[in-house]
Amino acid sequence: MTKKIKPEIPEATDILSLAIVPEELKVINGFNEVWAEWVEYKQEECCDLKGNMKPWKSIKASERWLTQIRNQYVNNNRDVVHVIAQSMLNEWVGIRFDLISDRQNQLMPKSRDQVSALDAEWSRINNPNQLN
């Protein structure tokens, strides 16, 4: 009878230093920070409903997820930073692109007319004694 050898689970620091992050993800504002937080969460505290730890068992497993994240960003224009953050907030085992919508009500740039009207109102409120 041969004894099954369990692979050694990589530390979060190993994944962060050795896993290859696709170039498309490196330039997303906030991605590196949320990725580091996700890796730490996944390796150190992520449990299934029965309380069993569910870390990645290899660097390659984390790279497969990086490919999935990249595909969601490039092919589906998903807000990957938001989806990863929400997956952690919900304490899920995986990143759930199927359950989390992209952020709604993102701030849209103001038109010149809107900015001018806002500036005028701000000035009126802050200088009530001035004649308009």
N, C-alpha and C. Protein backbone atom coordinates (compact mmCIF):
# COMPACT_ATOMS: atom_id res chain seq x y z
N MET A 1 0.85 -1.17 0.00
CA MET A 1 0.00 0.00 0.00
C MET A 1 0.90 1.24 0.00
N THR A 2 0.62 2.15 -0.94
CA THR A 2 1.39 3.39 -0.99
C THR A 2 0.64 4.48 -0.26
N LYS A 3 1.40 5.27 0.45
CA LYS A 3 0.80 6.37 1.21
C LYS A 3 0.70 7.59 0.30
N LYS A 4 -0.49 8.18 0.28
CA LYS A 4 -0.72 9.36 -0.54
C LYS A 4 -0.02 10.56 0.10
N ILE A 5 0.77 11.24 -0.68
CA ILE A 5 1.51 12.40 -0.19
C ILE A 5 0.69 13.65 -0.48
N LYS A 6 0.44 14.43 0.56
CA LYS A 6 -0.28 15.68 0.38
C LYS A 6 0.71 16.76 -0.06
N PRO A 7 0.32 17.54 -1.07
CA PRO A 7 1.22 18.62 -1.49
C PRO A 7 1.29 19.69 -0.39
N GLU A 8 2.43 20.33 -0.31
CA GLU A 8 2.59 21.41 0.66
C GLU A 8 1.86 22.65 0.13
N ILE A 9 1.00 23.19 0.96
CA ILE A 9 0.21 24.36 0.55
C ILE A 9 1.12 25.59 0.57
N PRO A 10 1.14 26.34 -0.55
CA PRO A 10 2.02 27.52 -0.59
C PRO A 10 1.51 28.64 0.33
N GLU A 11 2.44 29.38 0.87
CA GLU A 11 2.11 30.55 1.68
C GLU A 11 1.61 31.66 0.75
N ALA A 12 0.85 32.59 1.29
CA ALA A 12 0.37 33.73 0.51
C ALA A 12 1.54 34.50 -0.09
N THR A 13 2.61 34.68 0.68
CA THR A 13 3.77 35.42 0.18
C THR A 13 4.41 34.72 -1.01
N ASP A 14 4.40 33.38 -1.01
CA ASP A 14 4.94 32.63 -2.15
C ASP A 14 4.10 32.87 -3.40
N ILE A 15 2.80 32.82 -3.24
CA ILE A 15 1.91 33.04 -4.39
C ILE A 15 2.11 34.45 -4.92
N LEU A 16 2.15 35.43 -4.03
CA LEU A 16 2.28 36.82 -4.47
C LEU A 16 3.62 37.08 -5.16
N SER A 17 4.65 36.37 -4.77
CA SER A 17 5.96 36.62 -5.38
C SER A 17 6.21 35.74 -6.61
N LEU A 18 5.54 34.58 -6.71
CA LEU A 18 5.84 33.64 -7.79
C LEU A 18 4.79 33.54 -8.89
N ALA A 19 3.54 33.80 -8.57
CA ALA A 19 2.48 33.69 -9.58
C ALA A 19 2.63 34.83 -10.59
N ILE A 20 2.45 34.50 -11.84
CA ILE A 20 2.59 35.49 -12.91
C ILE A 20 1.24 36.17 -13.14
N VAL A 21 1.21 37.48 -12.87
CA VAL A 21 0.00 38.29 -13.05
C VAL A 21 -0.03 38.80 -14.49
N PRO A 22 -1.11 38.54 -15.24
CA PRO A 22 -1.19 39.04 -16.62
C PRO A 22 -1.05 40.56 -16.68
N GLU A 23 -0.41 41.03 -17.72
CA GLU A 23 -0.16 42.47 -17.91
C GLU A 23 -1.45 43.29 -17.86
N GLU A 24 -2.53 42.75 -18.43
CA GLU A 24 -3.79 43.47 -18.47
C GLU A 24 -4.32 43.79 -17.07
N LEU A 25 -4.01 42.92 -16.11
CA LEU A 25 -4.49 43.12 -14.74
C LEU A 25 -3.60 44.07 -13.95
N LYS A 26 -2.33 44.09 -14.26
CA LYS A 26 -1.37 44.92 -13.52
C LYS A 26 -1.72 46.41 -13.58
N VAL A 27 -2.34 46.83 -14.66
CA VAL A 27 -2.61 48.27 -14.86
C VAL A 27 -3.97 48.72 -14.33
N ILE A 28 -4.78 47.79 -13.82
CA ILE A 28 -6.10 48.15 -13.30
C ILE A 28 -5.92 48.81 -11.94
N ASN A 29 -6.51 49.98 -11.78
CA ASN A 29 -6.42 50.71 -10.51
C ASN A 29 -6.99 49.87 -9.37
N GLY A 30 -6.18 49.60 -8.36
CA GLY A 30 -6.60 48.86 -7.19
C GLY A 30 -6.46 47.35 -7.30
N PHE A 31 -6.10 46.84 -8.49
CA PHE A 31 -6.03 45.39 -8.65
C PHE A 31 -4.95 44.76 -7.77
N ASN A 32 -3.75 45.29 -7.80
CA ASN A 32 -2.66 44.68 -7.03
C ASN A 32 -2.99 44.58 -5.55
N GLU A 33 -3.64 45.60 -5.02
CA GLU A 33 -4.01 45.59 -3.61
C GLU A 33 -5.09 44.56 -3.31
N VAL A 34 -6.14 44.51 -4.13
CA VAL A 34 -7.22 43.56 -3.88
C VAL A 34 -6.75 42.13 -4.15
N TRP A 35 -5.85 41.95 -5.10
CA TRP A 35 -5.30 40.62 -5.37
C TRP A 35 -4.50 40.13 -4.16
N ALA A 36 -3.66 40.99 -3.61
CA ALA A 36 -2.87 40.61 -2.44
C ALA A 36 -3.79 40.26 -1.27
N GLU A 37 -4.84 41.04 -1.09
CA GLU A 37 -5.79 40.77 -0.01
C GLU A 37 -6.51 39.45 -0.25
N TRP A 38 -6.91 39.19 -1.51
CA TRP A 38 -7.59 37.94 -1.85
C TRP A 38 -6.68 36.74 -1.59
N VAL A 39 -5.43 36.83 -2.00
CA VAL A 39 -4.50 35.71 -1.80
C VAL A 39 -4.33 35.40 -0.32
N GLU A 40 -4.15 36.45 0.48
CA GLU A 40 -4.03 36.23 1.93
C GLU A 40 -5.31 35.61 2.49
N TYR A 41 -6.45 36.10 2.08
CA TYR A 41 -7.74 35.55 2.51
C TYR A 41 -7.83 34.08 2.10
N LYS A 42 -7.55 33.80 0.85
CA LYS A 42 -7.69 32.45 0.31
C LYS A 42 -6.77 31.46 1.03
N GLN A 43 -5.54 31.86 1.29
CA GLN A 43 -4.58 30.94 1.89
C GLN A 43 -4.69 30.83 3.41
N GLU A 44 -5.23 31.85 4.06
CA GLU A 44 -5.15 31.88 5.51
C GLU A 44 -6.49 31.75 6.24
N GLU A 45 -7.60 32.08 5.59
CA GLU A 45 -8.85 32.05 6.34
C GLU A 45 -10.06 31.54 5.58
N CYS A 46 -9.92 31.24 4.31
CA CYS A 46 -11.05 30.82 3.49
C CYS A 46 -11.51 29.41 3.86
N CYS A 47 -12.77 29.28 4.25
CA CYS A 47 -13.35 27.98 4.63
C CYS A 47 -14.65 27.74 3.88
N ASP A 48 -14.96 26.46 3.68
CA ASP A 48 -16.26 26.12 3.11
C ASP A 48 -17.32 26.14 4.21
N LEU A 49 -18.55 25.79 3.86
CA LEU A 49 -19.65 25.85 4.83
C LEU A 49 -19.46 24.89 6.01
N LYS A 50 -18.66 23.85 5.82
CA LYS A 50 -18.41 22.89 6.90
C LYS A 50 -17.23 23.31 7.76
N GLY A 51 -16.59 24.43 7.42
CA GLY A 51 -15.45 24.89 8.19
C GLY A 51 -14.11 24.33 7.75
N ASN A 52 -14.08 23.65 6.59
CA ASN A 52 -12.83 23.12 6.06
C ASN A 52 -12.07 24.20 5.31
N MET A 53 -10.80 24.34 5.59
CA MET A 53 -9.97 25.32 4.88
C MET A 53 -9.94 24.98 3.39
N LYS A 54 -9.95 26.02 2.55
CA LYS A 54 -9.96 25.83 1.11
C LYS A 54 -8.90 26.70 0.42
N PRO A 55 -7.63 26.55 0.80
CA PRO A 55 -6.59 27.33 0.13
C PRO A 55 -6.25 26.72 -1.23
N TRP A 56 -5.53 27.50 -2.05
CA TRP A 56 -4.98 26.93 -3.27
C TRP A 56 -3.86 25.98 -2.86
N LYS A 57 -3.74 24.88 -3.56
CA LYS A 57 -2.72 23.89 -3.21
C LYS A 57 -1.46 24.04 -4.04
N SER A 58 -1.46 25.01 -4.95
CA SER A 58 -0.26 25.23 -5.77
C SER A 58 -0.26 26.66 -6.32
N ILE A 59 0.91 27.07 -6.75
CA ILE A 59 1.05 28.38 -7.41
C ILE A 59 0.26 28.34 -8.72
N LYS A 60 0.31 27.21 -9.40
CA LYS A 60 -0.39 27.05 -10.68
C LYS A 60 -1.90 27.26 -10.52
N ALA A 61 -2.46 26.81 -9.40
CA ALA A 61 -3.90 27.00 -9.15
C ALA A 61 -4.24 28.49 -9.08
N SER A 62 -3.38 29.27 -8.45
CA SER A 62 -3.63 30.71 -8.38
C SER A 62 -3.49 31.35 -9.75
N GLU A 63 -2.56 30.85 -10.56
CA GLU A 63 -2.39 31.39 -11.91
C GLU A 63 -3.60 31.07 -12.79
N ARG A 64 -4.22 29.91 -12.56
CA ARG A 64 -5.45 29.60 -13.32
C ARG A 64 -6.53 30.61 -12.98
N TRP A 65 -6.61 31.02 -11.71
CA TRP A 65 -7.60 32.04 -11.33
C TRP A 65 -7.23 33.40 -11.93
N LEU A 66 -5.96 33.70 -11.99
CA LEU A 66 -5.54 34.96 -12.62
C LEU A 66 -5.97 34.99 -14.09
N THR A 67 -5.87 33.85 -14.75
CA THR A 67 -6.31 33.76 -16.16
C THR A 67 -7.82 33.98 -16.25
N GLN A 68 -8.57 33.38 -15.33
CA GLN A 68 -10.03 33.56 -15.29
C GLN A 68 -10.38 35.03 -15.06
N ILE A 69 -9.70 35.66 -14.12
CA ILE A 69 -9.95 37.09 -13.83
C ILE A 69 -9.62 37.93 -15.05
N ARG A 70 -8.49 37.65 -15.68
CA ARG A 70 -8.09 38.38 -16.89
C ARG A 70 -9.16 38.22 -17.97
N ASN A 71 -9.66 37.01 -18.17
CA ASN A 71 -10.68 36.78 -19.20
C ASN A 71 -11.97 37.54 -18.89
N GLN A 72 -12.36 37.60 -17.64
CA GLN A 72 -13.55 38.35 -17.26
C GLN A 72 -13.35 39.85 -17.54
N TYR A 73 -12.15 40.34 -17.29
CA TYR A 73 -11.86 41.75 -17.53
C TYR A 73 -11.80 42.06 -19.03
N VAL A 74 -11.02 41.28 -19.76
CA VAL A 74 -10.78 41.56 -21.19
C VAL A 74 -12.00 41.21 -22.04
N ASN A 75 -12.58 40.04 -21.83
CA ASN A 75 -13.66 39.57 -22.70
C ASN A 75 -15.03 40.11 -22.31
N ASN A 76 -15.24 40.36 -21.02
CA ASN A 76 -16.57 40.75 -20.56
C ASN A 76 -16.61 42.14 -19.92
N ASN A 77 -15.46 42.83 -19.93
CA ASN A 77 -15.36 44.19 -19.38
C ASN A 77 -15.88 44.26 -17.94
N ARG A 78 -15.57 43.23 -17.13
CA ARG A 78 -16.04 43.17 -15.76
C ARG A 78 -15.19 44.04 -14.84
N ASP A 79 -15.81 44.52 -13.78
CA ASP A 79 -15.14 45.30 -12.73
C ASP A 79 -14.53 44.28 -11.76
N VAL A 80 -13.38 43.74 -12.12
CA VAL A 80 -12.80 42.62 -11.38
C VAL A 80 -12.40 43.00 -9.95
N VAL A 81 -11.98 44.23 -9.73
CA VAL A 81 -11.61 44.67 -8.38
C VAL A 81 -12.84 44.60 -7.47
N HIS A 82 -13.96 45.09 -7.95
CA HIS A 82 -15.20 45.06 -7.18
C HIS A 82 -15.66 43.63 -6.90
N VAL A 83 -15.62 42.77 -7.90
CA VAL A 83 -16.09 41.40 -7.73
C VAL A 83 -15.22 40.65 -6.73
N ILE A 84 -13.91 40.83 -6.78
CA ILE A 84 -13.02 40.17 -5.83
C ILE A 84 -13.30 40.68 -4.42
N ALA A 85 -13.42 41.99 -4.27
CA ALA A 85 -13.68 42.58 -2.95
C ALA A 85 -15.01 42.08 -2.38
N GLN A 86 -16.04 42.02 -3.20
CA GLN A 86 -17.34 41.55 -2.74
C GLN A 86 -17.32 40.06 -2.39
N SER A 87 -16.54 39.27 -3.13
CA SER A 87 -16.42 37.85 -2.83
C SER A 87 -15.79 37.65 -1.45
N MET A 88 -14.80 38.47 -1.12
CA MET A 88 -14.20 38.40 0.22
C MET A 88 -15.18 38.87 1.28
N LEU A 89 -15.87 39.97 0.99
CA LEU A 89 -16.83 40.50 1.94
C LEU A 89 -17.90 39.46 2.28
N ASN A 90 -18.31 38.70 1.29
CA ASN A 90 -19.31 37.65 1.49
C ASN A 90 -18.72 36.36 2.05
N GLU A 91 -17.39 36.34 2.24
CA GLU A 91 -16.67 35.18 2.77
C GLU A 91 -16.86 33.93 1.91
N TRP A 92 -16.81 34.13 0.60
CA TRP A 92 -16.98 33.01 -0.31
C TRP A 92 -15.64 32.33 -0.56
N VAL A 93 -15.71 31.07 -0.98
CA VAL A 93 -14.52 30.27 -1.26
C VAL A 93 -13.89 30.70 -2.59
N GLY A 94 -14.71 31.14 -3.53
CA GLY A 94 -14.21 31.54 -4.84
C GLY A 94 -14.65 32.95 -5.21
N ILE A 95 -14.10 33.43 -6.30
CA ILE A 95 -14.48 34.74 -6.84
C ILE A 95 -15.71 34.49 -7.71
N ARG A 96 -16.83 35.10 -7.36
CA ARG A 96 -18.11 34.75 -7.96
C ARG A 96 -18.57 35.77 -9.00
N PHE A 97 -18.01 35.67 -10.20
CA PHE A 97 -18.44 36.54 -11.29
C PHE A 97 -19.88 36.26 -11.67
N ASP A 98 -20.37 35.05 -11.38
CA ASP A 98 -21.74 34.69 -11.73
C ASP A 98 -22.77 35.29 -10.79
N LEU A 99 -22.39 35.68 -9.58
CA LEU A 99 -23.34 36.19 -8.59
C LEU A 99 -23.22 37.68 -8.30
N ILE A 100 -22.10 38.28 -8.64
CA ILE A 100 -21.86 39.68 -8.29
C ILE A 100 -21.92 40.55 -9.55
N SER A 101 -22.76 41.56 -9.49
CA SER A 101 -22.84 42.52 -10.59
C SER A 101 -21.74 43.55 -10.44
N ASP A 102 -21.43 44.21 -11.53
CA ASP A 102 -20.47 45.31 -11.46
C ASP A 102 -21.08 46.46 -10.67
N ARG A 103 -20.23 47.34 -10.20
CA ARG A 103 -20.71 48.49 -9.42
C ARG A 103 -21.70 49.29 -10.23
N GLN A 104 -22.74 49.71 -9.56
CA GLN A 104 -23.73 50.60 -10.18
C GLN A 104 -23.45 52.02 -9.69
N ASN A 105 -24.03 52.99 -10.36
CA ASN A 105 -23.91 54.38 -9.95
C ASN A 105 -22.47 54.86 -9.85
N GLN A 106 -21.64 54.39 -10.77
CA GLN A 106 -20.28 54.92 -10.78
C GLN A 106 -20.35 56.38 -11.16
N LEU A 107 -19.49 57.17 -10.56
CA LEU A 107 -19.51 58.60 -10.84
C LEU A 107 -19.16 58.86 -12.29
N MET A 108 -20.02 59.56 -12.94
CA MET A 108 -19.78 59.91 -14.33
C MET A 108 -19.15 61.30 -14.36
N PRO A 109 -18.28 61.55 -15.30
CA PRO A 109 -17.69 62.89 -15.38
C PRO A 109 -18.78 63.93 -15.62
N LYS A 110 -18.64 65.08 -15.01
CA LYS A 110 -19.62 66.16 -15.17
C LYS A 110 -19.31 66.95 -16.43
N SER A 111 -20.37 67.40 -17.09
CA SER A 111 -20.19 68.25 -18.26
C SER A 111 -19.75 69.64 -17.79
N ARG A 112 -19.26 70.44 -18.70
CA ARG A 112 -18.82 71.80 -18.36
C ARG A 112 -19.97 72.62 -17.78
N ASP A 113 -21.19 72.45 -18.35
CA ASP A 113 -22.35 73.18 -17.85
C ASP A 113 -22.70 72.75 -16.43
N GLN A 114 -22.63 71.45 -16.15
CA GLN A 114 -22.93 70.96 -14.81
C GLN A 114 -21.91 71.47 -13.80
N VAL A 115 -20.65 71.47 -14.19
CA VAL A 115 -19.60 71.95 -13.29
C VAL A 115 -19.81 73.44 -13.02
N SER A 116 -20.12 74.19 -14.05
CA SER A 116 -20.35 75.62 -13.87
C SER A 116 -21.52 75.88 -12.93
N ALA A 117 -22.59 75.14 -13.07
CA ALA A 117 -23.75 75.31 -12.20
C ALA A 117 -23.40 74.92 -10.76
N LEU A 118 -22.63 73.86 -10.60
CA LEU A 118 -22.20 73.45 -9.26
C LEU A 118 -21.29 74.51 -8.64
N ASP A 119 -20.38 75.05 -9.43
CA ASP A 119 -19.49 76.10 -8.92
C ASP A 119 -20.28 77.33 -8.48
N ALA A 120 -21.27 77.71 -9.28
CA ALA A 120 -22.08 78.88 -8.94
C ALA A 120 -22.85 78.64 -7.64
N GLU A 121 -23.43 77.47 -7.49
CA GLU A 121 -24.18 77.14 -6.28
C GLU A 121 -23.26 77.10 -5.07
N TRP A 122 -22.09 76.51 -5.22
CA TRP A 122 -21.09 76.45 -4.13
C TRP A 122 -20.69 77.87 -3.71
N SER A 123 -20.46 78.71 -4.68
CA SER A 123 -20.08 80.09 -4.39
C SER A 123 -21.22 80.81 -3.65
N ARG A 124 -22.46 80.62 -4.11
CA ARG A 124 -23.61 81.26 -3.48
C ARG A 124 -23.76 80.80 -2.02
N ILE A 125 -23.57 79.50 -1.77
CA ILE A 125 -23.72 78.96 -0.41
C ILE A 125 -22.61 79.46 0.51
N ASN A 126 -21.40 79.52 -0.01
CA ASN A 126 -20.24 79.89 0.81
C ASN A 126 -20.05 81.40 0.95
N ASN A 127 -20.72 82.18 0.12
CA ASN A 127 -20.62 83.64 0.18
C ASN A 127 -22.01 84.24 0.18
N PRO A 128 -22.81 84.02 1.22
CA PRO A 128 -24.21 84.45 1.21
C PRO A 128 -24.39 85.97 1.19
N ASN A 129 -23.39 86.72 1.58
CA ASN A 129 -23.53 88.17 1.63
C ASN A 129 -23.21 88.85 0.30
N GLN A 130 -22.70 88.11 -0.65
CA GLN A 130 -22.36 88.67 -1.95
C GLN A 130 -23.60 88.75 -2.82
N LEU A 131 -23.67 89.77 -3.63
CA LEU A 131 -24.77 89.87 -4.59
C LEU A 131 -24.46 88.98 -5.77
N ASN A 132 -25.45 88.28 -6.22
CA ASN A 132 -25.23 87.37 -7.36
C ASN A 132 -25.74 87.99 -8.62
